[in-house]
Amino acid sequence: MVRVMMAATLAMALGACSGETSKGYAGGYDAAPEMATAAAPMAPVMEEYAPQDVMLQPAPGNGGTPVNPDGGRLMSYRYAWQFSVPTENMSGLQAAHKKLCEDAGPANCYVTGSQLEGIGNAEGAYGQLSMRATETWMRAFEKGVGEGLKPFGGSIYSTGRDSEDLTTQIVDHEARLRSMIAHRDALQKMLDDKPGRLSDLLEIQKALAESQGNIDASQSLLAALRLRVSMSVVDFSYRAELGAVSNLMWRPITDAFGDFGPSFARTIAGIIEFVAIILPVAIIVGLIIWLGLTVFRWRGRKRGIKPPVSTAKTGS
């Protein structure tokens, strides 16, 4: 047990020595795995997706290492784009955006989910496309998005970008990871020294397994944080674009006529329910008043109260 306590003390000392922050953060952080330095430019979308044989022409751009526009800060970005497009062209525009991402390669962009609903309904169609992309890919997409929408008769309805600073989390997790690795190495060295007592050997093996599990969990978390820095979350949504003369213009009137019968029935039902609630109360109150008047008259007769006699003189 004395050797185990010495190992714990040694690990704490090594962790304290390795807790300093690396100087590499001053100039930004290249957290993603090494990407291809000469990625192919973004390929134009296939002609089959665009109506009237017109292709979506994106601006050329290259994938590569993550762009860090804020200098030394490690930022995570989330982009949201909403497009208005005629229903008949919605699936084509979504397919064009999907192909634009896939052609850039998974190191620059990859699709995480897609959805299309109500395509047969000209007014209720909806679509969604979720991706992860580098800042380089996003800059190239922003330059060509306007021209790319023209063949589909679409337009940008809204855009947005949210950001989160992950610098502190990444630096702290890396420092903890270095400390845990130093702890594991110290335990491994003790295990290699082959302590004489079997109980000491079992204790060290148990501590070593727990240390390795903590290291694996920390590395997974750190990898997820690095991915958020190197690849932004991108959400595209598509809404049906209504024509100049749309059925929605007359929808309030048609809905009013359609709701006339149900509204009339609900009103009558409300009146019946009101009467059903009030009628028993009115009957009970009426009975109480009637009983009160009856008792009052009965007591008056019992006491012999006679009505006053008129003193007016009659004429002779």
C-alpha atoms as a PDB file:
ATOM      1  CA  MET A   1       0.000   0.000   0.000  1.00  0.00           C
ATOM      2  CA  VAL A   2       2.927   2.333   0.678  1.00  0.00           C
ATOM      3  CA  ARG A   3       3.995   1.983  -2.946  1.00  0.00           C
ATOM      4  CA  VAL A   4       0.463   2.821  -4.157  1.00  0.00           C
ATOM      5  CA  MET A   5       0.410   5.990  -2.050  1.00  0.00           C
ATOM      6  CA  MET A   6       3.812   6.970  -3.438  1.00  0.00           C
ATOM      7  CA  ALA A   7       2.468   6.440  -6.965  1.00  0.00           C
ATOM      8  CA  ALA A   8      -0.509   8.695  -6.307  1.00  0.00           C
ATOM      9  CA  THR A   9       1.791  11.405  -4.923  1.00  0.00           C
ATOM     10  CA  LEU A  10       4.078  11.130  -7.942  1.00  0.00           C
ATOM     11  CA  ALA A  11       1.106  11.348 -10.323  1.00  0.00           C
ATOM     12  CA  MET A  12      -0.180  14.504  -8.632  1.00  0.00           C
ATOM     13  CA  ALA A  13       3.252  16.106  -8.942  1.00  0.00           C
ATOM     14  CA  LEU A  14       3.488  15.222 -12.630  1.00  0.00           C
ATOM     15  CA  GLY A  15      -0.041  16.559 -13.240  1.00  0.00           C
ATOM     16  CA  ALA A  16       0.853  19.872 -11.625  1.00  0.00           C
ATOM     17  CA  CYS A  17       3.943  20.200 -13.773  1.00  0.00           C
ATOM     18  CA  SER A  18       1.962  19.504 -16.962  1.00  0.00           C
ATOM     19  CA  GLY A  19      -0.910  21.886 -16.193  1.00  0.00           C
ATOM     20  CA  GLU A  20       0.598  24.841 -18.040  1.00  0.00           C
ATOM     21  CA  THR A  21      -1.168  25.979 -21.177  1.00  0.00           C
ATOM     22  CA  SER A  22       0.595  25.341 -24.438  1.00  0.00           C
ATOM     23  CA  LYS A  23       1.963  28.349 -26.286  1.00  0.00           C
ATOM     24  CA  GLY A  24       0.436  27.037 -29.479  1.00  0.00           C
ATOM     25  CA  TYR A  25      -2.933  28.602 -28.640  1.00  0.00           C
ATOM     26  CA  ALA A  26      -1.687  32.137 -29.162  1.00  0.00           C
ATOM     27  CA  GLY A  27      -1.892  31.837 -32.898  1.00  0.00           C
ATOM     28  CA  GLY A  28      -5.033  29.738 -33.207  1.00  0.00           C
ATOM     29  CA  TYR A  29      -5.667  26.029 -33.012  1.00  0.00           C
ATOM     30  CA  ASP A  30      -5.458  23.490 -35.793  1.00  0.00           C
ATOM     31  CA  ALA A  31      -7.703  20.943 -34.090  1.00  0.00           C
ATOM     32  CA  ALA A  32      -8.992  18.978 -37.071  1.00  0.00           C
ATOM     33  CA  PRO A  33      -7.098  16.043 -38.552  1.00  0.00           C
ATOM     34  CA  GLU A  34      -4.784  16.943 -41.404  1.00  0.00           C
ATOM     35  CA  MET A  35      -6.825  17.674 -44.517  1.00  0.00           C
ATOM     36  CA  ALA A  36      -5.800  17.574 -48.121  1.00  0.00           C
ATOM     37  CA  THR A  37      -3.895  20.724 -48.999  1.00  0.00           C
ATOM     38  CA  ALA A  38      -4.962  20.704 -52.614  1.00  0.00           C
ATOM     39  CA  ALA A  39      -8.639  19.773 -52.485  1.00  0.00           C
ATOM     40  CA  ALA A  40     -10.544  19.897 -55.741  1.00  0.00           C
ATOM     41  CA  PRO A  41     -12.690  23.015 -56.286  1.00  0.00           C
ATOM     42  CA  MET A  42     -16.408  22.771 -55.656  1.00  0.00           C
ATOM     43  CA  ALA A  43     -17.981  21.011 -58.610  1.00  0.00           C
ATOM     44  CA  PRO A  44     -21.048  22.591 -60.188  1.00  0.00           C
ATOM     45  CA  VAL A  45     -24.351  20.894 -59.570  1.00  0.00           C
ATOM     46  CA  MET A  46     -25.441  18.392 -62.183  1.00  0.00           C
ATOM     47  CA  GLU A  47     -27.588  19.732 -64.946  1.00  0.00           C
ATOM     48  CA  GLU A  48     -30.334  17.229 -64.269  1.00  0.00           C
ATOM     49  CA  TYR A  49     -31.271  18.967 -61.020  1.00  0.00           C
ATOM     50  CA  ALA A  50     -31.914  22.399 -62.520  1.00  0.00           C
ATOM     51  CA  PRO A  51     -35.093  23.131 -64.487  1.00  0.00           C
ATOM     52  CA  GLN A  52     -34.819  24.226 -68.127  1.00  0.00           C
ATOM     53  CA  ASP A  53     -31.321  22.699 -68.423  1.00  0.00           C
ATOM     54  CA  VAL A  54     -29.701  25.439 -66.329  1.00  0.00           C
ATOM     55  CA  MET A  55     -27.017  24.441 -63.844  1.00  0.00           C
ATOM     56  CA  LEU A  56     -26.497  25.798 -60.335  1.00  0.00           C
ATOM     57  CA  GLN A  57     -23.202  27.673 -60.557  1.00  0.00           C
ATOM     58  CA  PRO A  58     -21.475  27.984 -57.175  1.00  0.00           C
ATOM     59  CA  ALA A  59     -18.434  30.097 -56.569  1.00  0.00           C
ATOM     60  CA  PRO A  60     -15.246  28.039 -56.664  1.00  0.00           C
ATOM     61  CA  GLY A  61     -13.493  27.379 -53.393  1.00  0.00           C
ATOM     62  CA  ASN A  62     -11.114  24.971 -51.764  1.00  0.00           C
ATOM     63  CA  GLY A  63     -11.508  22.854 -48.691  1.00  0.00           C
ATOM     64  CA  GLY A  64      -8.716  22.663 -46.175  1.00  0.00           C
ATOM     65  CA  THR A  65      -7.820  23.482 -42.660  1.00  0.00           C
ATOM     66  CA  PRO A  66     -10.458  25.278 -40.577  1.00  0.00           C
ATOM     67  CA  VAL A  67     -10.659  29.033 -40.930  1.00  0.00           C
ATOM     68  CA  ASN A  68     -10.441  30.806 -37.601  1.00  0.00           C
ATOM     69  CA  PRO A  69     -11.641  34.387 -38.268  1.00  0.00           C
ATOM     70  CA  ASP A  70     -11.245  35.412 -34.626  1.00  0.00           C
ATOM     71  CA  GLY A  71      -7.508  34.826 -34.373  1.00  0.00           C
ATOM     72  CA  GLY A  72      -6.560  32.788 -31.345  1.00  0.00           C
ATOM     73  CA  ARG A  73     -10.117  32.054 -30.206  1.00  0.00           C
ATOM     74  CA  LEU A  74     -11.518  28.593 -30.829  1.00  0.00           C
ATOM     75  CA  MET A  75     -15.034  29.304 -32.072  1.00  0.00           C
ATOM     76  CA  SER A  76     -17.875  26.947 -32.916  1.00  0.00           C
ATOM     77  CA  TYR A  77     -20.395  28.227 -35.466  1.00  0.00           C
ATOM     78  CA  ARG A  78     -23.920  27.252 -36.443  1.00  0.00           C
ATOM     79  CA  TYR A  79     -25.446  28.562 -39.674  1.00  0.00           C
ATOM     80  CA  ALA A  80     -29.147  28.644 -40.534  1.00  0.00           C
ATOM     81  CA  TRP A  81     -30.422  29.422 -44.041  1.00  0.00           C
ATOM     82  CA  GLN A  82     -34.064  29.447 -45.104  1.00  0.00           C
ATOM     83  CA  PHE A  83     -34.980  29.484 -48.780  1.00  0.00           C
ATOM     84  CA  SER A  84     -38.269  30.239 -50.530  1.00  0.00           C
ATOM     85  CA  VAL A  85     -38.716  28.120 -53.642  1.00  0.00           C
ATOM     86  CA  PRO A  86     -41.668  26.953 -55.781  1.00  0.00           C
ATOM     87  CA  THR A  87     -42.858  23.566 -54.620  1.00  0.00           C
ATOM     88  CA  GLU A  88     -42.091  21.862 -57.938  1.00  0.00           C
ATOM     89  CA  ASN A  89     -38.431  22.964 -57.670  1.00  0.00           C
ATOM     90  CA  MET A  90     -37.939  22.292 -53.952  1.00  0.00           C
ATOM     91  CA  SER A  91     -36.600  18.759 -54.304  1.00  0.00           C
ATOM     92  CA  GLY A  92     -34.254  19.876 -57.096  1.00  0.00           C
ATOM     93  CA  LEU A  93     -32.805  22.704 -55.016  1.00  0.00           C
ATOM     94  CA  GLN A  94     -32.293  20.423 -52.046  1.00  0.00           C
ATOM     95  CA  ALA A  95     -30.606  17.830 -54.257  1.00  0.00           C
ATOM     96  CA  ALA A  96     -28.378  20.544 -55.736  1.00  0.00           C
ATOM     97  CA  HIS A  97     -27.271  21.705 -52.286  1.00  0.00           C
ATOM     98  CA  LYS A  98     -26.702  18.113 -51.210  1.00  0.00           C
ATOM     99  CA  LYS A  99     -24.556  17.380 -54.256  1.00  0.00           C
ATOM    100  CA  LEU A 100     -22.619  20.600 -53.745  1.00  0.00           C
ATOM    101  CA  CYS A 101     -21.697  19.377 -50.269  1.00  0.00           C
ATOM    102  CA  GLU A 102     -20.916  15.802 -51.308  1.00  0.00           C
ATOM    103  CA  ASP A 103     -18.720  16.890 -54.203  1.00  0.00           C
ATOM    104  CA  ALA A 104     -16.534  18.899 -51.810  1.00  0.00           C
ATOM    105  CA  GLY A 105     -15.604  15.704 -49.975  1.00  0.00           C
ATOM    106  CA  PRO A 106     -16.133  14.673 -46.357  1.00  0.00           C
ATOM    107  CA  ALA A 107     -13.073  16.633 -45.244  1.00  0.00           C
ATOM    108  CA  ASN A 108     -14.870  19.831 -46.263  1.00  0.00           C
ATOM    109  CA  CYS A 109     -18.582  19.019 -46.039  1.00  0.00           C
ATOM    110  CA  TYR A 110     -20.845  16.053 -45.326  1.00  0.00           C
ATOM    111  CA  VAL A 111     -24.612  15.634 -45.009  1.00  0.00           C
ATOM    112  CA  THR A 112     -26.017  14.606 -41.620  1.00  0.00           C
ATOM    113  CA  GLY A 113     -29.731  14.578 -42.473  1.00  0.00           C
ATOM    114  CA  SER A 114     -32.381  15.542 -45.021  1.00  0.00           C
ATOM    115  CA  GLN A 115     -36.170  15.734 -45.116  1.00  0.00           C
ATOM    116  CA  LEU A 116     -38.963  16.607 -47.563  1.00  0.00           C
ATOM    117  CA  GLU A 117     -42.644  16.853 -46.616  1.00  0.00           C
ATOM    118  CA  GLY A 118     -45.858  17.746 -48.409  1.00  0.00           C
ATOM    119  CA  ILE A 119     -44.375  17.921 -51.906  1.00  0.00           C
ATOM    120  CA  GLY A 120     -47.815  17.186 -53.364  1.00  0.00           C
ATOM    121  CA  ASN A 121     -49.282  20.134 -51.446  1.00  0.00           C
ATOM    122  CA  ALA A 122     -48.446  23.343 -53.284  1.00  0.00           C
ATOM    123  CA  GLU A 123     -48.883  25.457 -50.148  1.00  0.00           C
ATOM    124  CA  GLY A 124     -47.633  23.194 -47.382  1.00  0.00           C
ATOM    125  CA  ALA A 125     -44.405  21.743 -48.774  1.00  0.00           C
ATOM    126  CA  TYR A 126     -41.376  21.825 -46.514  1.00  0.00           C
ATOM    127  CA  GLY A 127     -37.803  20.592 -46.708  1.00  0.00           C
ATOM    128  CA  GLN A 128     -34.697  20.476 -44.557  1.00  0.00           C
ATOM    129  CA  LEU A 129     -31.025  19.664 -45.069  1.00  0.00           C
ATOM    130  CA  SER A 130     -28.456  19.385 -42.257  1.00  0.00           C
ATOM    131  CA  MET A 131     -24.705  19.354 -42.849  1.00  0.00           C
ATOM    132  CA  ARG A 132     -21.329  19.934 -41.281  1.00  0.00           C
ATOM    133  CA  ALA A 133     -18.931  22.105 -43.257  1.00  0.00           C
ATOM    134  CA  THR A 134     -15.669  23.985 -42.914  1.00  0.00           C
ATOM    135  CA  GLU A 135     -15.523  27.768 -42.874  1.00  0.00           C
ATOM    136  CA  THR A 136     -13.798  27.655 -46.277  1.00  0.00           C
ATOM    137  CA  TRP A 137     -16.752  25.788 -47.765  1.00  0.00           C
ATOM    138  CA  MET A 138     -19.210  28.218 -46.188  1.00  0.00           C
ATOM    139  CA  ARG A 139     -17.394  31.254 -47.589  1.00  0.00           C
ATOM    140  CA  ALA A 140     -17.483  29.733 -51.081  1.00  0.00           C
ATOM    141  CA  PHE A 141     -21.163  28.835 -50.718  1.00  0.00           C
ATOM    142  CA  GLU A 142     -22.092  32.359 -49.609  1.00  0.00           C
ATOM    143  CA  LYS A 143     -20.455  33.836 -52.700  1.00  0.00           C
ATOM    144  CA  GLY A 144     -22.417  31.670 -55.122  1.00  0.00           C
ATOM    145  CA  VAL A 145     -25.700  31.153 -53.291  1.00  0.00           C
ATOM    146  CA  GLY A 146     -27.576  33.939 -55.086  1.00  0.00           C
ATOM    147  CA  GLU A 147     -26.688  32.776 -58.595  1.00  0.00           C
ATOM    148  CA  GLY A 148     -27.351  29.191 -57.611  1.00  0.00           C
ATOM    149  CA  LEU A 149     -30.955  29.958 -56.638  1.00  0.00           C
ATOM    150  CA  LYS A 150     -31.923  31.589 -59.936  1.00  0.00           C
ATOM    151  CA  PRO A 151     -32.422  28.399 -61.989  1.00  0.00           C
ATOM    152  CA  PHE A 152     -34.873  27.145 -59.369  1.00  0.00           C
ATOM    153  CA  GLY A 153     -36.790  30.418 -59.000  1.00  0.00           C
ATOM    154  CA  GLY A 154     -35.814  30.542 -55.349  1.00  0.00           C
ATOM    155  CA  SER A 155     -34.764  33.303 -53.010  1.00  0.00           C
ATOM    156  CA  ILE A 156     -33.191  33.688 -49.581  1.00  0.00           C
ATOM    157  CA  TYR A 157     -35.902  34.077 -46.941  1.00  0.00           C
ATOM    158  CA  SER A 158     -33.670  34.410 -43.871  1.00  0.00           C
ATOM    159  CA  THR A 159     -30.137  33.727 -42.645  1.00  0.00           C
ATOM    160  CA  GLY A 160     -28.521  33.491 -39.233  1.00  0.00           C
ATOM    161  CA  ARG A 161     -25.303  32.539 -37.484  1.00  0.00           C
ATOM    162  CA  ASP A 162     -24.691  31.608 -33.857  1.00  0.00           C
ATOM    163  CA  SER A 163     -21.263  31.223 -32.300  1.00  0.00           C
ATOM    164  CA  GLU A 164     -19.815  29.739 -29.123  1.00  0.00           C
ATOM    165  CA  ASP A 165     -16.320  30.257 -27.723  1.00  0.00           C
ATOM    166  CA  LEU A 166     -14.814  26.852 -26.863  1.00  0.00           C
ATOM    167  CA  THR A 167     -11.299  28.101 -26.106  1.00  0.00           C
ATOM    168  CA  THR A 168     -11.493  27.657 -22.349  1.00  0.00           C
ATOM    169  CA  GLN A 169     -13.101  24.222 -22.564  1.00  0.00           C
ATOM    170  CA  ILE A 170     -10.535  22.868 -25.017  1.00  0.00           C
ATOM    171  CA  VAL A 171      -7.527  24.269 -23.132  1.00  0.00           C
ATOM    172  CA  ASP A 172      -8.818  22.929 -19.806  1.00  0.00           C
ATOM    173  CA  HIS A 173      -9.579  19.480 -21.198  1.00  0.00           C
ATOM    174  CA  GLU A 174      -6.154  19.215 -22.816  1.00  0.00           C
ATOM    175  CA  ALA A 175      -4.461  20.161 -19.560  1.00  0.00           C
ATOM    176  CA  ARG A 176      -6.506  17.554 -17.680  1.00  0.00           C
ATOM    177  CA  LEU A 177      -5.736  14.978 -20.332  1.00  0.00           C
ATOM    178  CA  ARG A 178      -1.991  15.562 -19.975  1.00  0.00           C
ATOM    179  CA  SER A 179      -2.312  15.176 -16.222  1.00  0.00           C
ATOM    180  CA  MET A 180      -4.252  11.925 -16.556  1.00  0.00           C
ATOM    181  CA  ILE A 181      -1.696  10.542 -19.023  1.00  0.00           C
ATOM    182  CA  ALA A 182       1.122  11.354 -16.597  1.00  0.00           C
ATOM    183  CA  HIS A 183      -0.843   9.597 -13.841  1.00  0.00           C
ATOM    184  CA  ARG A 184      -1.325   6.520 -16.023  1.00  0.00           C
ATOM    185  CA  ASP A 185       2.350   6.403 -16.966  1.00  0.00           C
ATOM    186  CA  ALA A 186       3.338   6.569 -13.297  1.00  0.00           C
ATOM    187  CA  LEU A 187       1.033   3.680 -12.468  1.00  0.00           C
ATOM    188  CA  GLN A 188       2.352   1.693 -15.422  1.00  0.00           C
ATOM    189  CA  LYS A 189       5.928   2.245 -14.218  1.00  0.00           C
ATOM    190  CA  MET A 190       5.005   0.957 -10.787  1.00  0.00           C
ATOM    191  CA  LEU A 191       3.365  -2.073 -12.363  1.00  0.00           C
ATOM    192  CA  ASP A 192       6.504  -2.754 -14.383  1.00  0.00           C
ATOM    193  CA  ASP A 193       8.557  -2.676 -11.157  1.00  0.00           C
ATOM    194  CA  LYS A 194       6.530  -5.720  -9.990  1.00  0.00           C
ATOM    195  CA  PRO A 195       5.659  -4.977  -6.376  1.00  0.00           C
ATOM    196  CA  GLY A 196       6.239  -7.862  -4.042  1.00  0.00           C
ATOM    197  CA  ARG A 197       2.780  -8.088  -2.543  1.00  0.00           C
ATOM    198  CA  LEU A 198      -0.125  -9.404  -4.610  1.00  0.00           C
ATOM    199  CA  SER A 199      -2.555  -6.929  -2.998  1.00  0.00           C
ATOM    200  CA  ASP A 200      -0.379  -4.009  -4.132  1.00  0.00           C
ATOM    201  CA  LEU A 201      -0.297  -5.416  -7.664  1.00  0.00           C
ATOM    202  CA  LEU A 202      -4.091  -5.700  -7.789  1.00  0.00           C
ATOM    203  CA  GLU A 203      -4.554  -2.177  -6.462  1.00  0.00           C
ATOM    204  CA  ILE A 204      -2.216  -0.762  -9.095  1.00  0.00           C
ATOM    205  CA  GLN A 205      -3.929  -2.699 -11.892  1.00  0.00           C
ATOM    206  CA  LYS A 206      -7.326  -1.401 -10.759  1.00  0.00           C
ATOM    207  CA  ALA A 207      -6.085   2.189 -10.603  1.00  0.00           C
ATOM    208  CA  LEU A 208      -4.438   1.791 -14.009  1.00  0.00           C
ATOM    209  CA  ALA A 209      -7.684   0.541 -15.591  1.00  0.00           C
ATOM    210  CA  GLU A 210      -9.666   3.428 -14.114  1.00  0.00           C
ATOM    211  CA  SER A 211      -7.049   5.909 -15.304  1.00  0.00           C
ATOM    212  CA  GLN A 212      -7.134   4.527 -18.852  1.00  0.00           C
ATOM    213  CA  GLY A 213     -10.952   4.717 -18.892  1.00  0.00           C
ATOM    214  CA  ASN A 214     -10.828   8.384 -17.846  1.00  0.00           C
ATOM    215  CA  ILE A 215      -8.263   9.093 -20.551  1.00  0.00           C
ATOM    216  CA  ASP A 216     -10.431   7.490 -23.239  1.00  0.00           C
ATOM    217  CA  ALA A 217     -13.495   9.463 -22.145  1.00  0.00           C
ATOM    218  CA  SER A 218     -11.528  12.721 -22.067  1.00  0.00           C
ATOM    219  CA  GLN A 219     -10.079  12.077 -25.524  1.00  0.00           C
ATOM    220  CA  SER A 220     -13.562  11.450 -26.947  1.00  0.00           C
ATOM    221  CA  LEU A 221     -14.887  14.671 -25.446  1.00  0.00           C
ATOM    222  CA  LEU A 222     -11.893  16.626 -26.700  1.00  0.00           C
ATOM    223  CA  ALA A 223     -12.355  15.188 -30.195  1.00  0.00           C
ATOM    224  CA  ALA A 224     -15.996  16.294 -30.186  1.00  0.00           C
ATOM    225  CA  LEU A 225     -14.988  19.821 -29.181  1.00  0.00           C
ATOM    226  CA  ARG A 226     -12.349  19.941 -31.902  1.00  0.00           C
ATOM    227  CA  LEU A 227     -14.907  18.811 -34.466  1.00  0.00           C
ATOM    228  CA  ARG A 228     -17.216  21.657 -33.450  1.00  0.00           C
ATOM    229  CA  VAL A 229     -14.371  24.094 -34.111  1.00  0.00           C
ATOM    230  CA  SER A 230     -13.226  22.611 -37.418  1.00  0.00           C
ATOM    231  CA  MET A 231     -16.687  21.804 -38.876  1.00  0.00           C
ATOM    232  CA  SER A 232     -19.625  24.183 -38.462  1.00  0.00           C
ATOM    233  CA  VAL A 233     -23.223  22.983 -38.201  1.00  0.00           C
ATOM    234  CA  VAL A 234     -25.214  24.106 -41.263  1.00  0.00           C
ATOM    235  CA  ASP A 235     -29.026  23.893 -41.442  1.00  0.00           C
ATOM    236  CA  PHE A 236     -30.885  24.592 -44.698  1.00  0.00           C
ATOM    237  CA  SER A 237     -34.680  24.780 -44.677  1.00  0.00           C
ATOM    238  CA  TYR A 238     -36.967  25.183 -47.682  1.00  0.00           C
ATOM    239  CA  ARG A 239     -40.439  26.759 -47.669  1.00  0.00           C
ATOM    240  CA  ALA A 240     -42.978  26.857 -50.450  1.00  0.00           C
ATOM    241  CA  GLU A 241     -42.993  30.135 -52.372  1.00  0.00           C
ATOM    242  CA  LEU A 242     -46.562  31.265 -53.152  1.00  0.00           C
ATOM    243  CA  GLY A 243     -47.497  32.805 -56.478  1.00  0.00           C
ATOM    244  CA  ALA A 244     -48.975  36.249 -56.994  1.00  0.00           C
ATOM    245  CA  VAL A 245     -52.496  34.816 -57.009  1.00  0.00           C
ATOM    246  CA  SER A 246     -52.629  32.191 -54.341  1.00  0.00           C
ATOM    247  CA  ASN A 247     -55.445  30.218 -52.861  1.00  0.00           C
ATOM    248  CA  LEU A 248     -54.294  31.549 -49.526  1.00  0.00           C
ATOM    249  CA  MET A 249     -55.721  34.940 -50.515  1.00  0.00           C
ATOM    250  CA  TRP A 250     -59.249  33.534 -50.257  1.00  0.00           C
ATOM    251  CA  ARG A 251     -58.460  31.120 -47.470  1.00  0.00           C
ATOM    252  CA  PRO A 252     -60.002  33.294 -44.676  1.00  0.00           C
ATOM    253  CA  ILE A 253     -63.338  33.505 -46.547  1.00  0.00           C
ATOM    254  CA  THR A 254     -63.459  29.828 -47.460  1.00  0.00           C
ATOM    255  CA  ASP A 255     -62.452  28.895 -43.948  1.00  0.00           C
ATOM    256  CA  ALA A 256     -65.229  31.119 -42.572  1.00  0.00           C
ATOM    257  CA  PHE A 257     -67.837  29.396 -44.733  1.00  0.00           C
ATOM    258  CA  GLY A 258     -66.417  26.035 -43.887  1.00  0.00           C
ATOM    259  CA  ASP A 259     -66.569  26.816 -40.176  1.00  0.00           C
ATOM    260  CA  PHE A 260     -70.115  28.246 -40.309  1.00  0.00           C
ATOM    261  CA  GLY A 261     -71.877  24.954 -39.595  1.00  0.00           C
ATOM    262  CA  PRO A 262     -69.515  23.817 -36.832  1.00  0.00           C
ATOM    263  CA  SER A 263     -69.521  27.308 -35.260  1.00  0.00           C
ATOM    264  CA  PHE A 264     -73.338  27.453 -35.298  1.00  0.00           C
ATOM    265  CA  ALA A 265     -73.539  23.995 -33.764  1.00  0.00           C
ATOM    266  CA  ARG A 266     -71.000  24.912 -31.089  1.00  0.00           C
ATOM    267  CA  THR A 267     -73.007  28.031 -30.206  1.00  0.00           C
ATOM    268  CA  ILE A 268     -76.249  26.070 -29.846  1.00  0.00           C
ATOM    269  CA  ALA A 269     -74.426  23.453 -27.826  1.00  0.00           C
ATOM    270  CA  GLY A 270     -73.067  26.182 -25.558  1.00  0.00           C
ATOM    271  CA  ILE A 271     -76.552  27.585 -24.978  1.00  0.00           C
ATOM    272  CA  ILE A 272     -77.917  24.126 -24.167  1.00  0.00           C
ATOM    273  CA  GLU A 273     -75.076  23.495 -21.736  1.00  0.00           C
ATOM    274  CA  PHE A 274     -75.709  26.884 -20.091  1.00  0.00           C
ATOM    275  CA  VAL A 275     -79.414  26.124 -19.689  1.00  0.00           C
ATOM    276  CA  ALA A 276     -78.605  22.654 -18.375  1.00  0.00           C
ATOM    277  CA  ILE A 277     -76.389  24.208 -15.703  1.00  0.00           C
ATOM    278  CA  ILE A 278     -78.682  27.126 -14.747  1.00  0.00           C
ATOM    279  CA  LEU A 279     -82.060  25.337 -14.858  1.00  0.00           C
ATOM    280  CA  PRO A 280     -81.532  23.137 -11.744  1.00  0.00           C
ATOM    281  CA  VAL A 281     -80.292  26.153  -9.819  1.00  0.00           C
ATOM    282  CA  ALA A 282     -83.312  28.219 -10.867  1.00  0.00           C
ATOM    283  CA  ILE A 283     -85.712  25.425  -9.850  1.00  0.00           C
ATOM    284  CA  ILE A 284     -84.104  25.031  -6.419  1.00  0.00           C
ATOM    285  CA  VAL A 285     -84.083  28.791  -5.779  1.00  0.00           C
ATOM    286  CA  GLY A 286     -87.756  29.023  -6.889  1.00  0.00           C
ATOM    287  CA  LEU A 287     -88.745  26.213  -4.528  1.00  0.00           C
ATOM    288  CA  ILE A 288     -86.968  27.893  -1.628  1.00  0.00           C
ATOM    289  CA  ILE A 289     -88.749  31.193  -2.292  1.00  0.00           C
ATOM    290  CA  TRP A 290     -92.123  29.451  -2.650  1.00  0.00           C
ATOM    291  CA  LEU A 291     -91.646  27.538   0.602  1.00  0.00           C
ATOM    292  CA  GLY A 292     -90.633  30.730   2.394  1.00  0.00           C
ATOM    293  CA  LEU A 293     -93.764  32.571   1.267  1.00  0.00           C
ATOM    294  CA  THR A 294     -95.966  29.599   2.175  1.00  0.00           C
ATOM    295  CA  VAL A 295     -94.552  29.402   5.721  1.00  0.00           C
ATOM    296  CA  PHE A 296     -94.936  33.142   6.191  1.00  0.00           C
ATOM    297  CA  ARG A 297     -98.612  33.047   5.205  1.00  0.00           C
ATOM    298  CA  TRP A 298     -99.289  30.006   7.405  1.00  0.00           C
ATOM    299  CA  ARG A 299     -97.819  31.723  10.456  1.00  0.00           C
ATOM    300  CA  GLY A 300     -99.863  34.835   9.757  1.00  0.00           C
ATOM    301  CA  ARG A 301    -103.115  32.879   9.751  1.00  0.00           C
ATOM    302  CA  LYS A 302    -102.153  31.028  12.944  1.00  0.00           C
ATOM    303  CA  ARG A 303    -101.666  34.270  14.872  1.00  0.00           C
ATOM    304  CA  GLY A 304    -105.088  35.520  13.821  1.00  0.00           C
ATOM    305  CA  ILE A 305    -103.887  38.452  11.941  1.00  0.00           C
ATOM    306  CA  LYS A 306    -106.793  39.999  10.131  1.00  0.00           C
ATOM    307  CA  PRO A 307    -106.603  42.403   7.380  1.00  0.00           C
ATOM    308  CA  PRO A 308    -107.327  46.022   8.455  1.00  0.00           C
ATOM    309  CA  VAL A 309    -110.969  47.267   8.108  1.00  0.00           C
ATOM    310  CA  SER A 310    -111.468  50.306   6.030  1.00  0.00           C
ATOM    311  CA  THR A 311    -112.709  53.364   8.064  1.00  0.00           C
ATOM    312  CA  ALA A 312    -113.901  55.210   5.056  1.00  0.00           C
ATOM    313  CA  LYS A 313    -117.602  56.318   5.365  1.00  0.00           C
ATOM    314  CA  THR A 314    -119.975  55.344   2.762  1.00  0.00           C
ATOM    315  CA  GLY A 315    -122.468  57.832   1.435  1.00  0.00           C
ATOM    316  CA  SER A 316    -126.096  57.792   2.761  1.00  0.00           C
END
